[in-house]
PDB file of N, CA and C in Angstrom:
ATOM      1  N   MET A   1       0.843  -1.154   0.000  1.00  0.00           N
ATOM      2  CA  MET A   1       0.000   0.000   0.000  1.00  0.00           C
ATOM      3  C   MET A   1       0.901   1.233   0.000  1.00  0.00           C
ATOM      4  N   LYS A   2       0.597   2.159  -0.886  1.00  0.00           N
ATOM      5  CA  LYS A   2       1.404   3.367  -1.010  1.00  0.00           C
ATOM      6  C   LYS A   2       1.189   4.318   0.170  1.00  0.00           C
ATOM      7  N   TYR A   3      -0.063   4.451   0.611  1.00  0.00           N
ATOM      8  CA  TYR A   3      -0.404   5.325   1.735  1.00  0.00           C
ATOM      9  C   TYR A   3      -1.288   4.553   2.712  1.00  0.00           C
ATOM     10  N   PRO A   4      -1.274   4.929   3.984  1.00  0.00           N
ATOM     11  CA  PRO A   4      -2.181   4.272   4.936  1.00  0.00           C
ATOM     12  C   PRO A   4      -3.637   4.527   4.558  1.00  0.00           C
ATOM     13  N   ALA A   5      -4.483   3.581   4.861  1.00  0.00           N
ATOM     14  CA  ALA A   5      -5.908   3.736   4.554  1.00  0.00           C
ATOM     15  C   ALA A   5      -6.503   4.853   5.405  1.00  0.00           C
ATOM     16  N   ALA A   6      -7.463   5.550   4.825  1.00  0.00           N
ATOM     17  CA  ALA A   6      -8.181   6.603   5.546  1.00  0.00           C
ATOM     18  C   ALA A   6      -9.667   6.395   5.312  1.00  0.00           C
ATOM     19  N   PHE A   7     -10.439   6.637   6.321  1.00  0.00           N
ATOM     20  CA  PHE A   7     -11.873   6.420   6.221  1.00  0.00           C
ATOM     21  C   PHE A   7     -12.616   7.636   6.738  1.00  0.00           C
ATOM     22  N   ASP A   8     -13.758   7.886   6.135  1.00  0.00           N
ATOM     23  CA  ASP A   8     -14.656   8.927   6.610  1.00  0.00           C
ATOM     24  C   ASP A   8     -15.495   8.303   7.711  1.00  0.00           C
ATOM     25  N   GLY A   9     -15.393   8.812   8.892  1.00  0.00           N
ATOM     26  CA  GLY A   9     -16.166   8.246   9.990  1.00  0.00           C
ATOM     27  C   GLY A   9     -16.959   9.330  10.699  1.00  0.00           C
ATOM     28  N   ARG A  10     -18.097   8.947  11.189  1.00  0.00           N
ATOM     29  CA  ARG A  10     -18.914   9.886  11.946  1.00  0.00           C
ATOM     30  C   ARG A  10     -19.684   9.115  13.000  1.00  0.00           C
ATOM     31  N   CYS A  11     -19.995   9.790  14.044  1.00  0.00           N
ATOM     32  CA  CYS A  11     -20.760   9.193  15.129  1.00  0.00           C
ATOM     33  C   CYS A  11     -22.174   9.769  15.078  1.00  0.00           C
ATOM     34  N   ILE A  12     -23.144   8.895  14.938  1.00  0.00           N
ATOM     35  CA  ILE A  12     -24.534   9.332  14.833  1.00  0.00           C
ATOM     36  C   ILE A  12     -25.363   8.507  15.810  1.00  0.00           C
ATOM     37  N   LEU A  13     -26.227   9.165  16.526  1.00  0.00           N
ATOM     38  CA  LEU A  13     -27.127   8.477  17.437  1.00  0.00           C
ATOM     39  C   LEU A  13     -28.503   8.425  16.780  1.00  0.00           C
ATOM     40  N   TYR A  14     -28.939   7.216  16.407  1.00  0.00           N
ATOM     41  CA  TYR A  14     -30.248   7.067  15.770  1.00  0.00           C
ATOM     42  C   TYR A  14     -31.310   6.788  16.828  1.00  0.00           C
ATOM     43  N   PRO A  15     -32.544   7.216  16.564  1.00  0.00           N
ATOM     44  CA  PRO A  15     -33.590   7.114  17.585  1.00  0.00           C
ATOM     45  C   PRO A  15     -34.045   5.692  17.894  1.00  0.00           C
ATOM     46  N   ASN A  16     -33.857   4.773  16.915  1.00  0.00           N
ATOM     47  CA  ASN A  16     -34.302   3.401  17.163  1.00  0.00           C
ATOM     48  C   ASN A  16     -33.577   2.445  16.222  1.00  0.00           C
ATOM     49  N   GLU A  17     -33.761   1.166  16.464  1.00  0.00           N
ATOM     50  CA  GLU A  17     -33.063   0.138  15.689  1.00  0.00           C
ATOM     51  C   GLU A  17     -33.476   0.151  14.219  1.00  0.00           C
ATOM     52  N   ARG A  18     -34.743   0.370  13.943  1.00  0.00           N
ATOM     53  CA  ARG A  18     -35.217   0.379  12.554  1.00  0.00           C
ATOM     54  C   ARG A  18     -34.529   1.478  11.743  1.00  0.00           C
ATOM     55  N   THR A  19     -34.407   2.660  12.320  1.00  0.00           N
ATOM     56  CA  THR A  19     -33.740   3.766  11.642  1.00  0.00           C
ATOM     57  C   THR A  19     -32.275   3.430  11.386  1.00  0.00           C
ATOM     58  N   LEU A  20     -31.629   2.811  12.359  1.00  0.00           N
ATOM     59  CA  LEU A  20     -30.241   2.390  12.194  1.00  0.00           C
ATOM     60  C   LEU A  20     -30.115   1.370  11.069  1.00  0.00           C
ATOM     61  N   LEU A  21     -30.984   0.369  11.048  1.00  0.00           N
ATOM     62  CA  LEU A  21     -30.934  -0.657   9.999  1.00  0.00           C
ATOM     63  C   LEU A  21     -31.211  -0.058   8.627  1.00  0.00           C
ATOM     64  N   ASP A  22     -32.155   0.874   8.530  1.00  0.00           N
ATOM     65  CA  ASP A  22     -32.421   1.555   7.258  1.00  0.00           C
ATOM     66  C   ASP A  22     -31.183   2.306   6.778  1.00  0.00           C
ATOM     67  N   TYR A  23     -30.517   2.980   7.700  1.00  0.00           N
ATOM     68  CA  TYR A  23     -29.298   3.710   7.357  1.00  0.00           C
ATOM     69  C   TYR A  23     -28.215   2.758   6.853  1.00  0.00           C
ATOM     70  N   LEU A  24     -28.014   1.644   7.543  1.00  0.00           N
ATOM     71  CA  LEU A  24     -26.993   0.681   7.133  1.00  0.00           C
ATOM     72  C   LEU A  24     -27.324   0.061   5.780  1.00  0.00           C
ATOM     73  N   ARG A  25     -28.606  -0.209   5.523  1.00  0.00           N
ATOM     74  CA  ARG A  25     -29.011  -0.739   4.208  1.00  0.00           C
ATOM     75  C   ARG A  25     -28.717   0.280   3.113  1.00  0.00           C
ATOM     76  N   TRP A  26     -29.037   1.538   3.389  1.00  0.00           N
ATOM     77  CA  TRP A  26     -28.783   2.591   2.407  1.00  0.00           C
ATOM     78  C   TRP A  26     -27.289   2.710   2.124  1.00  0.00           C
ATOM     79  N   ARG A  27     -26.449   2.639   3.168  1.00  0.00           N
ATOM     80  CA  ARG A  27     -25.001   2.738   2.978  1.00  0.00           C
ATOM     81  C   ARG A  27     -24.484   1.567   2.145  1.00  0.00           C
ATOM     82  N   GLN A  28     -25.054   0.383   2.342  1.00  0.00           N
ATOM     83  CA  GLN A  28     -24.628  -0.777   1.568  1.00  0.00           C
ATOM     84  C   GLN A  28     -24.976  -0.586   0.093  1.00  0.00           C
ATOM     85  N   VAL A  29     -26.176  -0.113  -0.184  1.00  0.00           N
ATOM     86  CA  VAL A  29     -26.589   0.143  -1.565  1.00  0.00           C
ATOM     87  C   VAL A  29     -25.712   1.233  -2.172  1.00  0.00           C
ATOM     88  N   ASP A  30     -25.451   2.289  -1.418  1.00  0.00           N
ATOM     89  CA  ASP A  30     -24.619   3.385  -1.898  1.00  0.00           C
ATOM     90  C   ASP A  30     -23.202   2.900  -2.201  1.00  0.00           C
ATOM     91  N   CYS A  31     -22.686   2.015  -1.379  1.00  0.00           N
ATOM     92  CA  CYS A  31     -21.365   1.437  -1.607  1.00  0.00           C
ATOM     93  C   CYS A  31     -21.337   0.663  -2.923  1.00  0.00           C
ATOM     94  N   HIS A  32     -22.384  -0.117  -3.186  1.00  0.00           N
ATOM     95  CA  HIS A  32     -22.478  -0.872  -4.432  1.00  0.00           C
ATOM     96  C   HIS A  32     -22.523   0.070  -5.635  1.00  0.00           C
ATOM     97  N   ILE A  33     -23.327   1.119  -5.550  1.00  0.00           N
ATOM     98  CA  ILE A  33     -23.433   2.089  -6.646  1.00  0.00           C
ATOM     99  C   ILE A  33     -22.067   2.722  -6.915  1.00  0.00           C
ATOM    100  N   ASN A  34     -21.370   3.107  -5.855  1.00  0.00           N
ATOM    101  CA  ASN A  34     -20.045   3.712  -6.010  1.00  0.00           C
ATOM    102  C   ASN A  34     -19.046   2.734  -6.605  1.00  0.00           C
ATOM    103  N   ASN A  35     -19.100   1.460  -6.191  1.00  0.00           N
ATOM    104  CA  ASN A  35     -18.157   0.491  -6.722  1.00  0.00           C
ATOM    105  C   ASN A  35     -18.407   0.206  -8.200  1.00  0.00           C
ATOM    106  N   LEU A  36     -19.663   0.126  -8.608  1.00  0.00           N
ATOM    107  CA  LEU A  36     -19.963  -0.075 -10.026  1.00  0.00           C
ATOM    108  C   LEU A  36     -19.430   1.094 -10.844  1.00  0.00           C
ATOM    109  N   TYR A  37     -19.636   2.308 -10.348  1.00  0.00           N
ATOM    110  CA  TYR A  37     -19.104   3.495 -11.028  1.00  0.00           C
ATOM    111  C   TYR A  37     -17.580   3.405 -11.127  1.00  0.00           C
ATOM    112  N   ASN A  38     -16.920   3.115 -10.011  1.00  0.00           N
ATOM    113  CA  ASN A  38     -15.457   3.075  -9.996  1.00  0.00           C
ATOM    114  C   ASN A  38     -14.897   1.952 -10.857  1.00  0.00           C
ATOM    115  N   THR A  39     -15.555   0.800 -10.875  1.00  0.00           N
ATOM    116  CA  THR A  39     -15.111  -0.302 -11.729  1.00  0.00           C
ATOM    117  C   THR A  39     -15.181   0.111 -13.193  1.00  0.00           C
ATOM    118  N   THR A  40     -16.279   0.746 -13.587  1.00  0.00           N
ATOM    119  CA  THR A  40     -16.441   1.196 -14.970  1.00  0.00           C
ATOM    120  C   THR A  40     -15.441   2.300 -15.291  1.00  0.00           C
ATOM    121  N   PHE A  41     -15.285   3.242 -14.387  1.00  0.00           N
ATOM    122  CA  PHE A  41     -14.335   4.339 -14.567  1.00  0.00           C
ATOM    123  C   PHE A  41     -12.926   3.793 -14.800  1.00  0.00           C
ATOM    124  N   HIS A  42     -12.510   2.832 -13.976  1.00  0.00           N
ATOM    125  CA  HIS A  42     -11.161   2.286 -14.110  1.00  0.00           C
ATOM    126  C   HIS A  42     -11.004   1.429 -15.366  1.00  0.00           C
ATOM    127  N   ALA A  43     -12.067   0.812 -15.830  1.00  0.00           N
ATOM    128  CA  ALA A  43     -11.994   0.108 -17.117  1.00  0.00           C
ATOM    129  C   ALA A  43     -11.781   1.124 -18.238  1.00  0.00           C
ATOM    130  N   LEU A  44     -12.530   2.216 -18.204  1.00  0.00           N
ATOM    131  CA  LEU A  44     -12.414   3.247 -19.242  1.00  0.00           C
ATOM    132  C   LEU A  44     -11.028   3.881 -19.274  1.00  0.00           C
ATOM    133  N   THR A  45     -10.407   4.034 -18.115  1.00  0.00           N
ATOM    134  CA  THR A  45      -9.091   4.674 -18.052  1.00  0.00           C
ATOM    135  C   THR A  45      -7.937   3.674 -18.153  1.00  0.00           C
ATOM    136  N   GLY A  46      -8.264   2.390 -18.283  1.00  0.00           N
ATOM    137  CA  GLY A  46      -7.225   1.371 -18.418  1.00  0.00           C
ATOM    138  C   GLY A  46      -6.585   0.980 -17.103  1.00  0.00           C
ATOM    139  N   GLU A  47      -7.213   1.309 -15.991  1.00  0.00           N
ATOM    140  CA  GLU A  47      -6.641   1.023 -14.676  1.00  0.00           C
ATOM    141  C   GLU A  47      -7.430  -0.025 -13.898  1.00  0.00           C
ATOM    142  N   TYR A  48      -8.261  -0.787 -14.591  1.00  0.00           N
ATOM    143  CA  TYR A  48      -9.076  -1.814 -13.937  1.00  0.00           C
ATOM    144  C   TYR A  48      -8.186  -2.923 -13.400  1.00  0.00           C
ATOM    145  N   THR A  49      -8.438  -3.341 -12.182  1.00  0.00           N
ATOM    146  CA  THR A  49      -7.717  -4.450 -11.563  1.00  0.00           C
ATOM    147  C   THR A  49      -8.679  -5.612 -11.386  1.00  0.00           C
ATOM    148  N   HIS A  50      -8.279  -6.768 -11.853  1.00  0.00           N
ATOM    149  CA  HIS A  50      -9.124  -7.960 -11.748  1.00  0.00           C
ATOM    150  C   HIS A  50      -8.589  -8.855 -10.638  1.00  0.00           C
ATOM    151  N   TYR A  51      -9.475  -9.245  -9.724  1.00  0.00           N
ATOM    152  CA  TYR A  51      -9.120 -10.139  -8.617  1.00  0.00           C
ATOM    153  C   TYR A  51      -9.832 -11.469  -8.810  1.00  0.00           C
ATOM    154  N   GLU A  52      -9.088 -12.560  -8.652  1.00  0.00           N
ATOM    155  CA  GLU A  52      -9.692 -13.892  -8.686  1.00  0.00           C
ATOM    156  C   GLU A  52      -9.298 -14.629  -7.418  1.00  0.00           C
ATOM    157  N   PRO A  53     -10.275 -15.276  -6.772  1.00  0.00           N
ATOM    158  CA  PRO A  53      -9.928 -16.032  -5.564  1.00  0.00           C
ATOM    159  C   PRO A  53      -9.089 -17.253  -5.912  1.00  0.00           C
ATOM    160  N   VAL A  54      -8.192 -17.595  -5.024  1.00  0.00           N
ATOM    161  CA  VAL A  54      -7.370 -18.790  -5.179  1.00  0.00           C
ATOM    162  C   VAL A  54      -7.934 -19.840  -4.239  1.00  0.00           C
ATOM    163  N   ASP A  55      -8.293 -20.985  -4.797  1.00  0.00           N
ATOM    164  CA  ASP A  55      -8.791 -22.089  -3.974  1.00  0.00           C
ATOM    165  C   ASP A  55      -7.599 -22.727  -3.282  1.00  0.00           C
ATOM    166  N   ASP A  56      -7.573 -22.604  -1.981  1.00  0.00           N
ATOM    167  CA  ASP A  56      -6.448 -23.199  -1.263  1.00  0.00           C
ATOM    168  C   ASP A  56      -6.927 -23.925  -0.018  1.00  0.00           C
ATOM    169  N   ASP A  57      -6.145 -23.938   0.965  1.00  0.00           N
ATOM    170  CA  ASP A  57      -6.344 -24.780   2.137  1.00  0.00           C
ATOM    171  C   ASP A  57      -7.329 -24.238   3.166  1.00  0.00           C
ATOM    172  N   ASP A  58      -8.308 -23.551   2.867  1.00  0.00           N
ATOM    173  CA  ASP A  58      -9.360 -23.110   3.802  1.00  0.00           C
ATOM    174  C   ASP A  58      -8.832 -22.744   5.188  1.00  0.00           C
ATOM    175  N   ASP A  59      -7.717 -22.022   5.229  1.00  0.00           N
ATOM    176  CA  ASP A  59      -7.155 -21.623   6.518  1.00  0.00           C
ATOM    177  C   ASP A  59      -7.792 -20.346   7.062  1.00  0.00           C
ATOM    178  N   GLY A  60      -8.813 -19.866   6.372  1.00  0.00           N
ATOM    179  CA  GLY A  60      -9.494 -18.659   6.822  1.00  0.00           C
ATOM    180  C   GLY A  60      -8.915 -17.390   6.238  1.00  0.00           C
ATOM    181  N   ASN A  61      -7.781 -17.490   5.569  1.00  0.00           N
ATOM    182  CA  ASN A  61      -7.166 -16.326   4.939  1.00  0.00           C
ATOM    183  C   ASN A  61      -7.458 -16.352   3.449  1.00  0.00           C
ATOM    184  N   ASP A  62      -8.208 -15.369   2.986  1.00  0.00           N
ATOM    185  CA  ASP A  62      -8.525 -15.307   1.565  1.00  0.00           C
ATOM    186  C   ASP A  62      -7.282 -14.901   0.784  1.00  0.00           C
ATOM    187  N   LYS A  63      -7.069 -15.579  -0.330  1.00  0.00           N
ATOM    188  CA  LYS A  63      -5.943 -15.257  -1.197  1.00  0.00           C
ATOM    189  C   LYS A  63      -6.487 -14.981  -2.594  1.00  0.00           C
ATOM    190  N   PHE A  64      -5.830 -14.065  -3.298  1.00  0.00           N
ATOM    191  CA  PHE A  64      -6.313 -13.657  -4.610  1.00  0.00           C
ATOM    192  C   PHE A  64      -5.166 -13.586  -5.601  1.00  0.00           C
ATOM    193  N   ILE A  65      -5.507 -13.865  -6.859  1.00  0.00           N
ATOM    194  CA  ILE A  65      -4.620 -13.570  -7.968  1.00  0.00           C
ATOM    195  C   ILE A  65      -5.045 -12.191  -8.451  1.00  0.00           C
ATOM    196  N   VAL A  66      -4.101 -11.292  -8.595  1.00  0.00           N
ATOM    197  CA  VAL A  66      -4.413  -9.932  -9.021  1.00  0.00           C
ATOM    198  C   VAL A  66      -3.833  -9.716 -10.405  1.00  0.00           C
ATOM    199  N   THR A  67      -4.668  -9.250 -11.322  1.00  0.00           N
ATOM    200  CA  THR A  67      -4.227  -8.927 -12.667  1.00  0.00           C
ATOM    201  C   THR A  67      -4.360  -7.426 -12.843  1.00  0.00           C
ATOM    202  N   PHE A  68      -3.240  -6.722 -12.994  1.00  0.00           N
ATOM    203  CA  PHE A  68      -3.272  -5.272 -13.162  1.00  0.00           C
ATOM    204  C   PHE A  68      -2.212  -4.870 -14.158  1.00  0.00           C
ATOM    205  N   PRO A  69      -2.501  -4.065 -15.149  1.00  0.00           N
ATOM    206  CA  PRO A  69      -3.877  -3.761 -15.527  1.00  0.00           C
ATOM    207  C   PRO A  69      -4.522  -4.952 -16.201  1.00  0.00           C
ATOM    208  N   TYR A  70      -5.833  -4.955 -16.226  1.00  0.00           N
ATOM    209  CA  TYR A  70      -6.592  -6.059 -16.802  1.00  0.00           C
ATOM    210  C   TYR A  70      -6.312  -6.146 -18.292  1.00  0.00           C
ATOM    211  N   CYS A  71      -6.044  -7.333 -18.766  1.00  0.00           N
ATOM    212  CA  CYS A  71      -5.763  -7.536 -20.185  1.00  0.00           C
ATOM    213  C   CYS A  71      -6.779  -8.499 -20.765  1.00  0.00           C
ATOM    214  N   GLY A  72      -8.036  -8.151 -20.668  1.00  0.00           N
ATOM    215  CA  GLY A  72      -9.103  -8.989 -21.188  1.00  0.00           C
ATOM    216  C   GLY A  72      -9.138  -8.953 -22.701  1.00  0.00           C
ATOM    217  N   PRO A  73      -9.976  -9.774 -23.295  1.00  0.00           N
ATOM    218  CA  PRO A  73     -10.018  -9.910 -24.745  1.00  0.00           C
ATOM    219  C   PRO A  73     -10.445  -8.642 -25.471  1.00  0.00           C
ATOM    220  N   LYS A  74     -11.190  -7.770 -24.818  1.00  0.00           N
ATOM    221  CA  LYS A  74     -11.706  -6.591 -25.508  1.00  0.00           C
ATOM    222  C   LYS A  74     -11.037  -5.301 -25.057  1.00  0.00           C
ATOM    223  N   LEU A  75      -9.986  -5.389 -24.276  1.00  0.00           N
ATOM    224  CA  LEU A  75      -9.400  -4.185 -23.703  1.00  0.00           C
ATOM    225  C   LEU A  75      -8.405  -3.511 -24.645  1.00  0.00           C
ATOM    226  N   SER A  76      -8.661  -3.585 -25.941  1.00  0.00           N
ATOM    227  CA  SER A  76      -7.799  -2.905 -26.897  1.00  0.00           C
ATOM    228  C   SER A  76      -8.363  -1.535 -27.259  1.00  0.00           C
ATOM    229  N   LEU A  77      -9.405  -1.128 -26.575  1.00  0.00           N
ATOM    230  CA  LEU A  77      -9.970   0.196 -26.802  1.00  0.00           C
ATOM    231  C   LEU A  77      -9.006   1.247 -26.277  1.00  0.00           C
ATOM    232  N   PRO A  78      -9.032   2.444 -26.873  1.00  0.00           N
ATOM    233  CA  PRO A  78      -8.146   3.495 -26.357  1.00  0.00           C
ATOM    234  C   PRO A  78      -8.533   3.876 -24.928  1.00  0.00           C
ATOM    235  N   LYS A  79      -7.537   4.154 -24.128  1.00  0.00           N
ATOM    236  CA  LYS A  79      -7.788   4.567 -22.746  1.00  0.00           C
ATOM    237  C   LYS A  79      -8.279   6.006 -22.739  1.00  0.00           C
ATOM    238  N   LEU A  80      -9.255   6.270 -21.892  1.00  0.00           N
ATOM    239  CA  LEU A  80      -9.767   7.626 -21.755  1.00  0.00           C
ATOM    240  C   LEU A  80      -9.030   8.339 -20.627  1.00  0.00           C
ATOM    241  N   SER A  81      -8.952   9.650 -20.740  1.00  0.00           N
ATOM    242  CA  SER A  81      -8.419  10.439 -19.630  1.00  0.00           C
ATOM    243  C   SER A  81      -9.456  10.426 -18.510  1.00  0.00           C
ATOM    244  N   THR A  82      -9.066  10.858 -17.335  1.00  0.00           N
ATOM    245  CA  THR A  82     -10.027  10.890 -16.232  1.00  0.00           C
ATOM    246  C   THR A  82     -11.193  11.821 -16.550  1.00  0.00           C
ATOM    247  N   ASN A  83     -10.920  12.941 -17.204  1.00  0.00           N
ATOM    248  CA  ASN A  83     -12.007  13.857 -17.583  1.00  0.00           C
ATOM    249  C   ASN A  83     -12.931  13.228 -18.616  1.00  0.00           C
ATOM    250  N   GLU A  84     -12.348  12.531 -19.599  1.00  0.00           N
ATOM    251  CA  GLU A  84     -13.165  11.867 -20.620  1.00  0.00           C
ATOM    252  C   GLU A  84     -14.019  10.759 -20.006  1.00  0.00           C
ATOM    253  N   ALA A  85     -13.436   9.997 -19.096  1.00  0.00           N
ATOM    254  CA  ALA A  85     -14.184   8.912 -18.445  1.00  0.00           C
ATOM    255  C   ALA A  85     -15.320   9.475 -17.597  1.00  0.00           C
ATOM    256  N   THR A  86     -15.052  10.552 -16.880  1.00  0.00           N
ATOM    257  CA  THR A  86     -16.092  11.190 -16.070  1.00  0.00           C
ATOM    258  C   THR A  86     -17.231  11.667 -16.955  1.00  0.00           C
ATOM    259  N   LYS A  87     -16.891  12.275 -18.079  1.00  0.00           N
ATOM    260  CA  LYS A  87     -17.915  12.754 -19.016  1.00  0.00           C
ATOM    261  C   LYS A  87     -18.689  11.582 -19.613  1.00  0.00           C
ATOM    262  N   ARG A  88     -17.988  10.505 -19.966  1.00  0.00           N
ATOM    263  CA  ARG A  88     -18.636   9.322 -20.553  1.00  0.00           C
ATOM    264  C   ARG A  88     -19.639   8.702 -19.579  1.00  0.00           C
ATOM    265  N   LEU A  89     -19.335   8.730 -18.295  1.00  0.00           N
ATOM    266  CA  LEU A  89     -20.204   8.116 -17.290  1.00  0.00           C
ATOM    267  C   LEU A  89     -21.307   9.050 -16.792  1.00  0.00           C
ATOM    268  N   SER A  90     -21.213  10.303 -17.173  1.00  0.00           N
ATOM    269  CA  SER A  90     -22.217  11.269 -16.731  1.00  0.00           C
ATOM    270  C   SER A  90     -23.604  10.848 -17.204  1.00  0.00           C
ATOM    271  N   HIS A  91     -24.561  10.851 -16.303  1.00  0.00           N
ATOM    272  CA  HIS A  91     -25.969  10.535 -16.593  1.00  0.00           C
ATOM    273  C   HIS A  91     -26.178   9.096 -17.066  1.00  0.00           C
ATOM    274  N   THR A  92     -25.318   8.164 -16.639  1.00  0.00           N
ATOM    275  CA  THR A  92     -25.528   6.759 -16.995  1.00  0.00           C
ATOM    276  C   THR A  92     -26.208   6.037 -15.838  1.00  0.00           C
ATOM    277  N   SER A  93     -26.991   5.044 -16.191  1.00  0.00           N
ATOM    278  CA  SER A  93     -27.658   4.210 -15.184  1.00  0.00           C
ATOM    279  C   SER A  93     -26.746   3.032 -14.832  1.00  0.00           C
ATOM    280  N   SER A  94     -27.139   2.268 -13.840  1.00  0.00           N
ATOM    281  CA  SER A  94     -26.394   1.053 -13.498  1.00  0.00           C
ATOM    282  C   SER A  94     -26.365   0.101 -14.687  1.00  0.00           C
ATOM    283  N   GLY A  95     -27.489  -0.003 -15.390  1.00  0.00           N
ATOM    284  CA  GLY A  95     -27.545  -0.855 -16.576  1.00  0.00           C
ATOM    285  C   GLY A  95     -26.571  -0.396 -17.648  1.00  0.00           C
ATOM    286  N   ASP A  96     -26.467   0.919 -17.837  1.00  0.00           N
ATOM    287  CA  ASP A  96     -25.514   1.462 -18.813  1.00  0.00           C
ATOM    288  C   ASP A  96     -24.083   1.083 -18.439  1.00  0.00           C
ATOM    289  N   LYS A  97     -23.754   1.197 -17.168  1.00  0.00           N
ATOM    290  CA  LYS A  97     -22.397   0.872 -16.720  1.00  0.00           C
ATOM    291  C   LYS A  97     -22.110  -0.621 -16.904  1.00  0.00           C
ATOM    292  N   ASN A  98     -23.073  -1.467 -16.564  1.00  0.00           N
ATOM    293  CA  ASN A  98     -22.901  -2.905 -16.790  1.00  0.00           C
ATOM    294  C   ASN A  98     -22.700  -3.203 -18.267  1.00  0.00           C
ATOM    295  N   GLU A  99     -23.434  -2.516 -19.113  1.00  0.00           N
ATOM    296  CA  GLU A  99     -23.320  -2.717 -20.562  1.00  0.00           C
ATOM    297  C   GLU A  99     -21.945  -2.279 -21.071  1.00  0.00           C
ATOM    298  N   ILE A 100     -21.450  -1.148 -20.602  1.00  0.00           N
ATOM    299  CA  ILE A 100     -20.107  -0.689 -20.984  1.00  0.00           C
ATOM    300  C   ILE A 100     -19.074  -1.731 -20.579  1.00  0.00           C
ATOM    301  N   LEU A 101     -19.155  -2.189 -19.338  1.00  0.00           N
ATOM    302  CA  LEU A 101     -18.189  -3.178 -18.853  1.00  0.00           C
ATOM    303  C   LEU A 101     -18.213  -4.445 -19.693  1.00  0.00           C
ATOM    304  N   PHE A 102     -19.407  -4.957 -19.957  1.00  0.00           N
ATOM    305  CA  PHE A 102     -19.510  -6.243 -20.647  1.00  0.00           C
ATOM    306  C   PHE A 102     -19.236  -6.119 -22.146  1.00  0.00           C
ATOM    307  N   THR A 103     -19.880  -5.164 -22.795  1.00  0.00           N
ATOM    308  CA  THR A 103     -19.759  -5.035 -24.250  1.00  0.00           C
ATOM    309  C   THR A 103     -18.385  -4.532 -24.678  1.00  0.00           C
ATOM    310  N   ASP A 104     -17.889  -3.513 -24.007  1.00  0.00           N
ATOM    311  CA  ASP A 104     -16.630  -2.902 -24.432  1.00  0.00           C
ATOM    312  C   ASP A 104     -15.392  -3.590 -23.865  1.00  0.00           C
ATOM    313  N   TYR A 105     -15.522  -4.190 -22.669  1.00  0.00           N
ATOM    314  CA  TYR A 105     -14.334  -4.711 -21.996  1.00  0.00           C
ATOM    315  C   TYR A 105     -14.401  -6.192 -21.642  1.00  0.00           C
ATOM    316  N   GLY A 106     -15.535  -6.827 -21.912  1.00  0.00           N
ATOM    317  CA  GLY A 106     -15.652  -8.249 -21.602  1.00  0.00           C
ATOM    318  C   GLY A 106     -15.672  -8.538 -20.111  1.00  0.00           C
ATOM    319  N   ILE A 107     -16.058  -7.549 -19.309  1.00  0.00           N
ATOM    320  CA  ILE A 107     -16.096  -7.697 -17.852  1.00  0.00           C
ATOM    321  C   ILE A 107     -17.538  -7.897 -17.417  1.00  0.00           C
ATOM    322  N   ASN A 108     -17.823  -9.049 -16.826  1.00  0.00           N
ATOM    323  CA  ASN A 108     -19.153  -9.295 -16.276  1.00  0.00           C
ATOM    324  C   ASN A 108     -19.111  -8.895 -14.807  1.00  0.00           C
ATOM    325  N   TYR A 109     -19.752  -7.778 -14.501  1.00  0.00           N
ATOM    326  CA  TYR A 109     -19.704  -7.248 -13.130  1.00  0.00           C
ATOM    327  C   TYR A 109     -20.225  -8.256 -12.114  1.00  0.00           C
ATOM    328  N   ASN A 110     -21.143  -9.109 -12.528  1.00  0.00           N
ATOM    329  CA  ASN A 110     -21.680 -10.127 -11.618  1.00  0.00           C
ATOM    330  C   ASN A 110     -20.636 -11.173 -11.237  1.00  0.00           C
ATOM    331  N   ASN A 111     -19.539 -11.241 -11.991  1.00  0.00           N
ATOM    332  CA  ASN A 111     -18.469 -12.186 -11.678  1.00  0.00           C
ATOM    333  C   ASN A 111     -17.359 -11.566 -10.833  1.00  0.00           C
ATOM    334  N   GLU A 112     -17.493 -10.294 -10.500  1.00  0.00           N
ATOM    335  CA  GLU A 112     -16.524  -9.671  -9.600  1.00  0.00           C
ATOM    336  C   GLU A 112     -16.667 -10.328  -8.229  1.00  0.00           C
ATOM    337  N   LEU A 113     -15.635 -10.278  -7.440  1.00  0.00           N
ATOM    338  CA  LEU A 113     -15.719 -10.846  -6.098  1.00  0.00           C
ATOM    339  C   LEU A 113     -16.872 -10.205  -5.342  1.00  0.00           C
ATOM    340  N   GLU A 114     -17.586 -11.016  -4.590  1.00  0.00           N
ATOM    341  CA  GLU A 114     -18.779 -10.535  -3.894  1.00  0.00           C
ATOM    342  C   GLU A 114     -18.477  -9.356  -2.971  1.00  0.00           C
ATOM    343  N   GLN A 115     -17.320  -9.354  -2.361  1.00  0.00           N
ATOM    344  CA  GLN A 115     -16.988  -8.263  -1.448  1.00  0.00           C
ATOM    345  C   GLN A 115     -16.902  -6.924  -2.166  1.00  0.00           C
ATOM    346  N   PHE A 116     -16.713  -6.937  -3.483  1.00  0.00           N
ATOM    347  CA  PHE A 116     -16.668  -5.695  -4.240  1.00  0.00           C
ATOM    348  C   PHE A 116     -18.026  -5.334  -4.825  1.00  0.00           C
ATOM    349  N   ARG A 117     -18.881  -6.319  -5.004  1.00  0.00           N
ATOM    350  CA  ARG A 117     -20.180  -6.072  -5.634  1.00  0.00           C
ATOM    351  C   ARG A 117     -21.228  -5.579  -4.660  1.00  0.00           C
ATOM    352  N   LYS A 118     -21.337  -6.207  -3.515  1.00  0.00           N
ATOM    353  CA  LYS A 118     -22.424  -5.854  -2.594  1.00  0.00           C
ATOM    354  C   LYS A 118     -21.987  -6.014  -1.169  1.00  0.00           C
TER     355      LYS A 118
END
């Protein structure tokens, strides 16, 4: 890791358990939306990293094969600048992003590791 991890944290007191659970559900959905955007953005800019689990000795430690940058069958498209990628993704739906990933880059978002999808 180049820099230590940093997280946005806040302390909030919710009035009841239902409100807390609703908030946590919303954060989970928001995390998924952000990850789909970032996965598509990094594919467009040529910086997509592909992780595959390694089946090993079930010692409780997950291990992954990391491919960076991704060299999939369709990744011969020109890389976009960060500004171009941001503009390309502007006003796109989740379906649009999935379509870009699959059609242009051969990336099936549903095959990403579950920890990155939801």
